[in-house]
C-alpha atoms as a PDB file:
ATOM      1  CA  UNK A   1      38.030 -70.160  23.315  1.00  0.00           C
ATOM      2  CA  UNK A   2      35.748 -67.873  25.204  1.00  0.00           C
ATOM      3  CA  UNK A   3      32.909 -66.483  23.241  1.00  0.00           C
ATOM      4  CA  UNK A   4      32.072 -62.695  22.981  1.00  0.00           C
ATOM      5  CA  UNK A   5      35.837 -62.046  24.484  1.00  0.00           C
ATOM      6  CA  UNK A   6      37.717 -59.720  22.462  1.00  0.00           C
ATOM      7  CA  UNK A   7      41.248 -58.824  22.271  1.00  0.00           C
ATOM      8  CA  UNK A   8      41.667 -54.935  21.327  1.00  0.00           C
ATOM      9  CA  UNK A   9      45.089 -54.472  19.883  1.00  0.00           C
ATOM     10  CA  UNK A  10      46.799 -51.178  20.675  1.00  0.00           C
ATOM     11  CA  UNK A  11      49.582 -49.073  19.263  1.00  0.00           C
ATOM     12  CA  UNK A  12      52.439 -48.141  22.137  1.00  0.00           C
ATOM     13  CA  UNK A  13      50.042 -45.315  23.116  1.00  0.00           C
ATOM     14  CA  UNK A  14      46.772 -47.307  23.662  1.00  0.00           C
ATOM     15  CA  UNK A  15      45.249 -45.781  20.311  1.00  0.00           C
ATOM     16  CA  UNK A  16      42.494 -49.271  19.194  1.00  0.00           C
ATOM     17  CA  UNK A  17      43.859 -50.709  15.828  1.00  0.00           C
ATOM     18  CA  UNK A  18      41.609 -54.046  15.600  1.00  0.00           C
ATOM     19  CA  UNK A  19      40.273 -56.443  17.814  1.00  0.00           C
ATOM     20  CA  UNK A  20      40.352 -60.698  17.328  1.00  0.00           C
ATOM     21  CA  UNK A  21      38.716 -62.731  19.361  1.00  0.00           C
ATOM     22  CA  UNK A  22      39.541 -65.220  22.234  1.00  0.00           C
ATOM     23  CA  UNK A  23      42.168 -68.164  20.443  1.00  0.00           C
ATOM     24  CA  UNK A  24      42.538 -65.743  17.231  1.00  0.00           C
ATOM     25  CA  UNK A  25      45.289 -65.252  15.144  1.00  0.00           C
ATOM     26  CA  UNK A  26      46.808 -62.392  14.406  1.00  0.00           C
ATOM     27  CA  UNK A  27      49.831 -62.293  11.272  1.00  0.00           C
ATOM     28  CA  UNK A  28      53.309 -60.056  12.069  1.00  0.00           C
ATOM     29  CA  UNK A  29      55.091 -58.750   9.037  1.00  0.00           C
ATOM     30  CA  UNK A  30      59.435 -58.935   9.200  1.00  0.00           C
ATOM     31  CA  UNK A  31      60.850 -55.885   7.549  1.00  0.00           C
ATOM     32  CA  UNK A  32      62.841 -59.018   5.813  1.00  0.00           C
ATOM     33  CA  UNK A  33      59.625 -60.140   4.113  1.00  0.00           C
ATOM     34  CA  UNK A  34      58.906 -62.838   6.546  1.00  0.00           C
ATOM     35  CA  UNK A  35      55.401 -63.602   8.372  1.00  0.00           C
ATOM     36  CA  UNK A  36      54.292 -65.335  11.417  1.00  0.00           C
ATOM     37  CA  UNK A  37      51.327 -66.434  12.645  1.00  0.00           C
ATOM     38  CA  UNK A  38      50.400 -66.084  16.464  1.00  0.00           C
ATOM     39  CA  UNK A  39      47.630 -67.444  18.837  1.00  0.00           C
ATOM     40  CA  UNK A  40      46.244 -64.259  20.944  1.00  0.00           C
ATOM     41  CA  UNK A  41      44.313 -66.083  24.406  1.00  0.00           C
ATOM     42  CA  UNK A  42      42.147 -63.517  26.043  1.00  0.00           C
ATOM     43  CA  UNK A  43      43.663 -62.597  29.983  1.00  0.00           C
ATOM     44  CA  UNK A  44      41.605 -59.288  31.036  1.00  0.00           C
ATOM     45  CA  UNK A  45      40.657 -56.098  29.312  1.00  0.00           C
ATOM     46  CA  UNK A  46      44.252 -55.241  28.999  1.00  0.00           C
ATOM     47  CA  UNK A  47      46.398 -58.387  28.868  1.00  0.00           C
ATOM     48  CA  UNK A  48      47.419 -61.071  26.318  1.00  0.00           C
ATOM     49  CA  UNK A  49      48.695 -64.343  26.180  1.00  0.00           C
ATOM     50  CA  UNK A  50      50.073 -64.522  22.139  1.00  0.00           C
ATOM     51  CA  UNK A  51      52.305 -66.838  20.964  1.00  0.00           C
ATOM     52  CA  UNK A  52      52.251 -68.563  24.469  1.00  0.00           C
ATOM     53  CA  UNK A  53      53.624 -65.319  26.295  1.00  0.00           C
ATOM     54  CA  UNK A  54      51.658 -63.239  28.539  1.00  0.00           C
ATOM     55  CA  UNK A  55      51.990 -59.154  27.494  1.00  0.00           C
ATOM     56  CA  UNK A  56      49.928 -56.258  28.488  1.00  0.00           C
ATOM     57  CA  UNK A  57      48.889 -54.974  25.494  1.00  0.00           C
ATOM     58  CA  UNK A  58      50.667 -52.072  24.850  1.00  0.00           C
ATOM     59  CA  UNK A  59      53.713 -53.710  26.145  1.00  0.00           C
ATOM     60  CA  UNK A  60      53.517 -55.954  22.960  1.00  0.00           C
ATOM     61  CA  UNK A  61      52.702 -53.260  20.795  1.00  0.00           C
ATOM     62  CA  UNK A  62      56.061 -51.329  22.022  1.00  0.00           C
ATOM     63  CA  UNK A  63      58.143 -54.644  21.485  1.00  0.00           C
ATOM     64  CA  UNK A  64      56.889 -54.918  18.141  1.00  0.00           C
ATOM     65  CA  UNK A  65      57.601 -51.019  17.234  1.00  0.00           C
ATOM     66  CA  UNK A  66      60.680 -51.761  18.544  1.00  0.00           C
ATOM     67  CA  UNK A  67      61.482 -54.134  16.167  1.00  0.00           C
ATOM     68  CA  UNK A  68      59.693 -52.858  13.354  1.00  0.00           C
ATOM     69  CA  UNK A  69      57.357 -55.601  12.984  1.00  0.00           C
ATOM     70  CA  UNK A  70      53.455 -55.045  11.830  1.00  0.00           C
ATOM     71  CA  UNK A  71      50.547 -57.001  12.877  1.00  0.00           C
ATOM     72  CA  UNK A  72      46.972 -57.559  11.600  1.00  0.00           C
ATOM     73  CA  UNK A  73      44.120 -59.949  12.077  1.00  0.00           C
ATOM     74  CA  UNK A  74      44.852 -63.240  10.299  1.00  0.00           C
END
């Protein structure tokens, strides 16, 4: 975990929602009531590795919106 690095999570148009520290965890809430926890790793200002998959933060937000999955810091 890198000290001081934060991942700025946004919506699909780039509006900041919240931030999590490098190595932090987000909780994803599915429409059926299930939830899932994912580790987030900082890559650069606009990219993160979430649950082992590299994403542009806005791309991750688009995927979550398309699948109707909400997410928040855990």
